[in-house]
N, C-alpha and C. Protein backbone atom coordinates (compact mmCIF):
# COMPACT_ATOMS: atom_id res chain seq x y z
N UNK A 1 200.96 -8.29 -7.08
CA UNK A 1 199.69 -7.49 -7.38
C UNK A 1 199.60 -6.29 -7.90
N UNK A 2 198.91 -5.93 -8.91
CA UNK A 2 198.92 -4.70 -9.92
C UNK A 2 197.60 -3.87 -9.25
N UNK A 3 197.78 -2.52 -9.17
CA UNK A 3 197.23 -1.54 -8.98
C UNK A 3 196.96 -0.49 -9.90
N UNK A 4 195.64 0.30 -9.59
CA UNK A 4 195.73 1.09 -10.45
C UNK A 4 196.11 2.07 -10.00
N UNK A 5 196.63 3.57 -10.87
CA UNK A 5 196.82 5.02 -10.46
C UNK A 5 195.95 5.03 -9.19
N UNK A 6 194.36 5.29 -9.46
CA UNK A 6 193.67 5.55 -8.45
C UNK A 6 193.53 4.71 -7.25
N UNK A 7 194.00 3.55 -7.52
CA UNK A 7 194.22 2.71 -5.91
C UNK A 7 195.25 3.18 -5.28
N UNK A 8 196.41 3.16 -5.97
CA UNK A 8 197.73 4.05 -5.37
C UNK A 8 197.43 5.11 -4.42
N UNK A 9 196.84 5.93 -5.47
CA UNK A 9 196.42 7.37 -4.49
C UNK A 9 195.44 7.16 -3.58
N UNK A 10 194.90 6.26 -3.60
CA UNK A 10 193.78 5.81 -2.20
C UNK A 10 194.29 5.52 -1.38
N UNK A 11 195.52 4.76 -1.27
CA UNK A 11 196.39 4.31 -0.47
C UNK A 11 197.06 5.26 0.46
N UNK A 12 197.65 6.19 -0.79
CA UNK A 12 198.36 7.49 0.14
C UNK A 12 197.22 8.40 0.70
N UNK A 13 196.00 8.36 0.30
CA UNK A 13 194.86 9.29 1.13
C UNK A 13 195.03 8.55 2.36
N UNK A 14 194.34 7.15 2.30
CA UNK A 14 194.15 6.42 3.59
C UNK A 14 195.16 6.46 4.79
N UNK A 15 196.45 6.43 4.20
CA UNK A 15 197.88 6.66 5.06
C UNK A 15 197.94 7.98 5.56
N UNK A 16 197.64 9.05 5.01
CA UNK A 16 197.50 10.49 5.48
C UNK A 16 196.57 10.43 6.52
N UNK A 17 195.45 10.00 6.13
CA UNK A 17 194.23 9.72 7.21
C UNK A 17 194.75 9.13 8.33
N UNK A 18 195.27 7.82 8.26
CA UNK A 18 196.02 7.44 9.64
C UNK A 18 197.08 8.13 10.39
N UNK A 19 197.88 8.84 9.60
CA UNK A 19 198.92 9.41 10.35
C UNK A 19 198.52 10.88 11.10
N UNK A 20 197.30 11.17 10.02
CA UNK A 20 196.43 12.41 11.06
C UNK A 20 195.77 11.49 12.64
N UNK A 21 195.71 10.63 12.32
CA UNK A 21 194.84 10.05 13.58
C UNK A 21 196.22 9.83 14.57
N UNK A 22 197.25 9.23 14.44
CA UNK A 22 198.21 9.29 14.75
C UNK A 22 198.89 10.13 15.47
N UNK A 23 198.95 11.33 14.90
CA UNK A 23 199.42 12.81 15.37
C UNK A 23 198.55 12.84 16.79
N UNK A 24 197.04 12.72 16.50
CA UNK A 24 196.08 12.94 17.53
C UNK A 24 196.51 12.28 18.91
N UNK A 25 196.81 10.87 18.66
CA UNK A 25 196.69 10.07 19.76
C UNK A 25 198.28 10.47 20.13
N UNK A 26 199.42 10.71 19.71
CA UNK A 26 200.66 11.25 20.10
C UNK A 26 200.27 12.49 21.05
N UNK A 27 199.40 13.20 20.16
CA UNK A 27 199.24 14.77 21.29
C UNK A 27 198.51 14.26 22.23
N UNK A 28 197.68 13.47 22.64
CA UNK A 28 197.30 13.04 23.71
C UNK A 28 197.52 11.95 24.32
N UNK A 29 198.90 11.80 24.25
CA UNK A 29 199.39 10.60 24.91
C UNK A 29 198.69 8.99 25.14
N UNK A 30 198.07 8.98 23.71
CA UNK A 30 197.48 7.89 23.67
C UNK A 30 198.24 6.77 23.20
N UNK A 31 199.31 6.21 23.73
CA UNK A 31 200.40 5.38 22.97
C UNK A 31 199.63 4.01 22.24
N UNK A 32 198.85 3.58 23.08
CA UNK A 32 198.01 2.25 22.63
C UNK A 32 197.70 2.52 21.57
N UNK A 33 196.78 3.44 21.32
CA UNK A 33 196.33 3.86 20.09
C UNK A 33 197.22 4.08 18.94
N UNK A 34 198.50 4.74 19.32
CA UNK A 34 199.46 5.15 18.05
C UNK A 34 199.66 4.06 17.70
N UNK A 35 200.08 2.98 18.29
CA UNK A 35 200.60 1.70 18.36
C UNK A 35 199.99 1.01 16.96
N UNK A 36 198.56 0.94 17.59
CA UNK A 36 197.54 0.42 16.77
C UNK A 36 197.85 1.02 15.52
N UNK A 37 197.85 2.03 15.27
CA UNK A 37 197.16 2.89 13.96
C UNK A 37 198.52 2.62 13.41
N UNK A 38 199.79 2.53 14.00
CA UNK A 38 201.32 2.27 13.00
C UNK A 38 200.81 1.22 12.54
N UNK A 39 200.53 0.02 13.05
CA UNK A 39 200.28 -1.18 12.71
C UNK A 39 199.62 -1.29 10.99
N UNK A 40 198.29 -0.25 11.46
CA UNK A 40 197.47 -0.43 10.22
C UNK A 40 197.92 0.35 9.14
N UNK A 41 198.65 1.05 9.24
CA UNK A 41 199.59 2.08 8.39
C UNK A 41 200.25 0.92 7.64
N UNK A 42 201.22 0.00 8.02
CA UNK A 42 201.66 -0.84 7.47
C UNK A 42 200.94 -1.72 6.51
N UNK A 43 199.74 -1.97 7.06
CA UNK A 43 199.01 -2.89 6.36
C UNK A 43 198.37 -1.70 4.65
N UNK A 44 197.84 -0.77 5.27
CA UNK A 44 197.48 -0.02 3.89
C UNK A 44 198.64 0.36 3.27
N UNK A 45 199.96 0.42 3.52
CA UNK A 45 200.96 0.91 2.41
C UNK A 45 201.99 -0.47 1.81
N UNK A 46 201.78 -1.82 2.32
CA UNK A 46 202.34 -2.85 1.77
C UNK A 46 201.99 -3.19 0.44
N UNK A 47 200.70 -3.14 0.12
CA UNK A 47 200.20 -3.61 -1.35
C UNK A 47 201.03 -2.56 -2.17
N UNK A 48 201.31 -1.41 -1.66
CA UNK A 48 201.76 -0.30 -2.84
C UNK A 48 203.48 -0.79 -2.85
N UNK A 49 204.07 -1.23 -1.86
CA UNK A 49 205.12 -1.82 -1.89
C UNK A 49 205.69 -2.72 -2.64
N UNK A 50 204.57 -3.88 -2.46
CA UNK A 50 204.58 -5.19 -3.35
C UNK A 50 203.99 -4.96 -4.82
N UNK A 51 203.49 -3.88 -5.29
CA UNK A 51 203.46 -3.44 -6.77
C UNK A 51 204.58 -2.67 -6.82
N UNK A 52 205.76 -2.55 -6.18
CA UNK A 52 206.37 -1.63 -6.91
C UNK A 52 206.15 -0.10 -7.17
N UNK A 53 205.46 0.28 -5.90
CA UNK A 53 204.95 1.79 -6.36
C UNK A 53 203.77 1.92 -7.16
N UNK A 54 203.37 1.03 -7.87
CA UNK A 54 202.43 1.14 -8.62
C UNK A 54 202.40 1.51 -10.26
N UNK A 55 201.69 1.72 -10.86
CA UNK A 55 201.90 2.15 -12.38
C UNK A 55 202.32 3.82 -12.15
N UNK A 56 202.59 4.33 -13.34
CA UNK A 56 202.93 5.57 -13.24
C UNK A 56 201.75 6.68 -13.45
N UNK A 57 202.03 7.80 -12.88
CA UNK A 57 200.99 8.59 -12.42
C UNK A 57 201.09 9.47 -13.57
N UNK A 58 200.03 10.17 -13.93
CA UNK A 58 199.78 11.44 -14.71
C UNK A 58 200.29 12.79 -13.92
N UNK A 59 200.63 13.74 -14.76
CA UNK A 59 200.74 15.02 -13.94
C UNK A 59 199.95 15.13 -12.56
N UNK A 60 198.81 15.38 -12.75
CA UNK A 60 197.72 15.67 -11.61
C UNK A 60 197.95 14.93 -10.66
N UNK A 61 198.01 13.65 -10.64
CA UNK A 61 198.27 12.33 -9.91
C UNK A 61 199.41 12.38 -8.75
N UNK A 62 200.50 12.54 -9.70
CA UNK A 62 202.12 12.89 -9.49
C UNK A 62 201.79 14.31 -8.53
N UNK A 63 201.28 15.20 -8.59
CA UNK A 63 200.86 16.53 -7.72
C UNK A 63 200.60 16.27 -6.73
N UNK A 64 199.17 15.37 -6.71
CA UNK A 64 198.40 15.19 -5.53
C UNK A 64 199.27 14.28 -4.60
N UNK A 65 200.12 13.10 -5.13
CA UNK A 65 200.76 12.16 -4.04
C UNK A 65 201.78 12.82 -3.66
N UNK A 66 202.39 13.80 -4.10
CA UNK A 66 203.76 14.63 -3.38
C UNK A 66 203.05 15.68 -2.39
N UNK A 67 202.11 16.20 -2.62
CA UNK A 67 201.14 17.15 -1.59
C UNK A 67 200.88 16.13 -0.53
N UNK A 68 200.02 14.81 -0.65
CA UNK A 68 199.68 13.80 0.50
C UNK A 68 201.16 13.56 1.34
N UNK A 69 202.03 12.97 0.22
CA UNK A 69 203.52 12.97 0.96
C UNK A 69 204.00 13.74 2.00
N UNK A 70 204.19 15.16 1.41
CA UNK A 70 204.45 16.34 2.27
C UNK A 70 203.72 16.29 3.54
N UNK A 71 202.39 16.09 3.55
CA UNK A 71 201.29 16.18 4.72
C UNK A 71 202.03 15.24 5.82
N UNK A 72 202.19 14.03 5.15
CA UNK A 72 202.58 12.68 5.94
C UNK A 72 203.67 12.99 6.75
N UNK A 73 204.54 13.48 5.86
CA UNK A 73 206.08 13.81 6.36
C UNK A 73 205.80 14.84 7.46
N UNK A 74 205.21 15.81 7.58
CA UNK A 74 205.29 17.09 8.37
C UNK A 74 204.46 16.21 9.78
N UNK A 75 203.65 15.75 9.49
CA UNK A 75 202.96 14.97 10.55
C UNK A 75 203.45 13.77 11.57
N UNK A 76 204.61 13.27 10.55
CA UNK A 76 205.49 12.29 11.18
C UNK A 76 206.69 12.94 11.63
N UNK A 77 206.93 14.16 11.68
CA UNK A 77 207.99 15.01 11.83
C UNK A 77 207.42 15.25 13.61
N UNK A 78 206.16 15.80 13.79
CA UNK A 78 205.73 15.84 14.67
C UNK A 78 205.40 14.94 15.78
N UNK A 79 205.06 13.49 15.04
CA UNK A 79 204.62 12.52 15.91
C UNK A 79 206.23 11.77 16.35
N UNK A 80 207.13 12.26 15.88
CA UNK A 80 208.38 11.88 16.11
C UNK A 80 208.92 12.68 17.46
N UNK A 81 208.78 14.01 17.26
CA UNK A 81 208.94 14.93 18.27
C UNK A 81 208.56 14.40 19.57
N UNK A 82 207.09 14.40 19.42
CA UNK A 82 206.05 14.05 20.74
C UNK A 82 206.30 12.71 21.34
N UNK A 83 206.83 11.69 20.49
CA UNK A 83 207.22 10.28 20.85
C UNK A 83 208.62 10.27 21.60
N UNK A 84 209.32 11.25 21.17
CA UNK A 84 210.89 11.62 21.67
C UNK A 84 210.69 12.32 23.12
N UNK A 85 210.11 13.35 23.09
CA UNK A 85 209.88 13.70 24.39
C UNK A 85 209.21 12.97 25.61
N UNK A 86 208.21 12.50 25.12
CA UNK A 86 207.63 10.86 26.21
C UNK A 86 208.91 9.92 26.31
N UNK A 87 209.59 9.31 25.60
CA UNK A 87 210.56 8.62 25.76
C UNK A 87 211.86 9.21 26.61
N UNK A 88 212.05 10.16 26.28
CA UNK A 88 213.01 11.08 27.26
C UNK A 88 212.68 11.23 28.55
N UNK A 89 211.25 11.39 28.93
CA UNK A 89 210.88 11.52 30.21
C UNK A 89 210.96 10.05 30.51
N UNK A 90 210.41 9.09 30.07
CA UNK A 90 210.44 7.53 30.34
C UNK A 90 211.77 7.09 30.61
N UNK A 91 212.78 7.70 30.53
CA UNK A 91 214.37 7.00 30.47
C UNK A 91 214.63 7.97 31.70
N UNK A 92 214.48 8.96 31.55
CA UNK A 92 214.54 9.93 33.06
C UNK A 92 213.92 9.29 34.40
N UNK A 93 212.54 8.92 34.31
CA UNK A 93 211.93 7.94 35.27
C UNK A 93 212.85 6.66 35.59
N UNK A 94 212.92 6.19 34.62
CA UNK A 94 213.33 4.87 34.73
C UNK A 94 215.04 4.93 35.85
N UNK A 95 215.65 6.06 34.75
CA UNK A 95 216.90 6.07 35.52
C UNK A 95 217.09 6.49 37.07
N UNK A 96 215.78 7.16 37.22
CA UNK A 96 215.68 7.57 38.78
C UNK A 96 215.16 6.74 39.67
N UNK A 97 214.44 5.85 39.07
CA UNK A 97 214.03 4.71 39.81
C UNK A 97 214.77 3.74 40.14
N UNK A 98 215.98 3.44 39.17
CA UNK A 98 217.20 2.51 39.01
C UNK A 98 217.95 2.89 40.03
N UNK A 99 218.44 4.45 40.05
CA UNK A 99 219.09 5.01 41.49
C UNK A 99 218.44 5.12 42.88
N UNK A 100 217.25 5.33 42.46
CA UNK A 100 216.45 5.17 43.82
C UNK A 100 216.78 3.37 44.43
N UNK A 101 216.20 2.51 43.80
CA UNK A 101 216.62 1.21 43.97
C UNK A 101 217.77 0.77 44.47
N UNK A 102 218.90 1.28 43.82
CA UNK A 102 220.13 0.88 44.29
C UNK A 102 220.44 1.54 45.50
N UNK A 103 220.11 2.92 45.81
CA UNK A 103 220.39 3.50 46.87
C UNK A 103 219.57 2.89 48.29
N UNK A 104 218.57 2.75 47.86
CA UNK A 104 217.63 1.91 48.81
C UNK A 104 218.34 0.47 49.22
N UNK A 105 219.00 -0.22 48.24
CA UNK A 105 219.74 -1.34 48.71
C UNK A 105 220.82 -1.28 49.31
N UNK A 106 221.72 -0.22 48.64
CA UNK A 106 222.77 -0.18 49.37
C UNK A 106 222.65 0.59 50.82
N UNK A 107 221.57 1.19 50.98
CA UNK A 107 221.53 1.35 52.63
C UNK A 107 220.84 0.10 53.74
N UNK A 108 220.11 -0.95 52.77
CA UNK A 108 219.78 -1.83 53.85
C UNK A 108 221.04 -2.88 53.52
N UNK A 109 221.49 -2.60 52.58
CA UNK A 109 222.87 -3.76 52.96
C UNK A 109 223.94 -3.12 54.29
N UNK A 110 223.94 -1.71 54.28
CA UNK A 110 224.89 -1.06 55.43
C UNK A 110 224.27 -1.00 56.96
N UNK A 111 222.74 -1.10 56.86
CA UNK A 111 222.18 -1.10 57.93
C UNK A 111 222.45 -1.71 59.17
C-alpha cells in the first residue's frame, strides 16, 4: 500500500492522540481501556509499517514527525512507569497470597 506524506503524518498524529488517551487510562488505573487503546495503536501504525515508512518527507514534515514522535515517546515512558508500578503491586499481592495459602495449607496439614 502506498501512502502520501500527509497520510503518514496523519497516522503519527492519530497515534499521538491514542498514546495520550492511553496515558490518561494508565493514570486512572483503567487497565482494560489501556489494552484496548494499545490494540488500536497497532492498527493505526500497521499501514505505515506496511508502506516501509511511507514516502520521503520534506523538511517541515520531518520536523513535525520528530516532534510527534518525541511526544509519543514521553507519553510511552510515563505509561511504562505507571504500568510497572501496577505490575509490582500485583506481584507483591500475588506473592503474599501464595505465601498465605501455603501457610494455611501447612497449618491445616499439621492440625
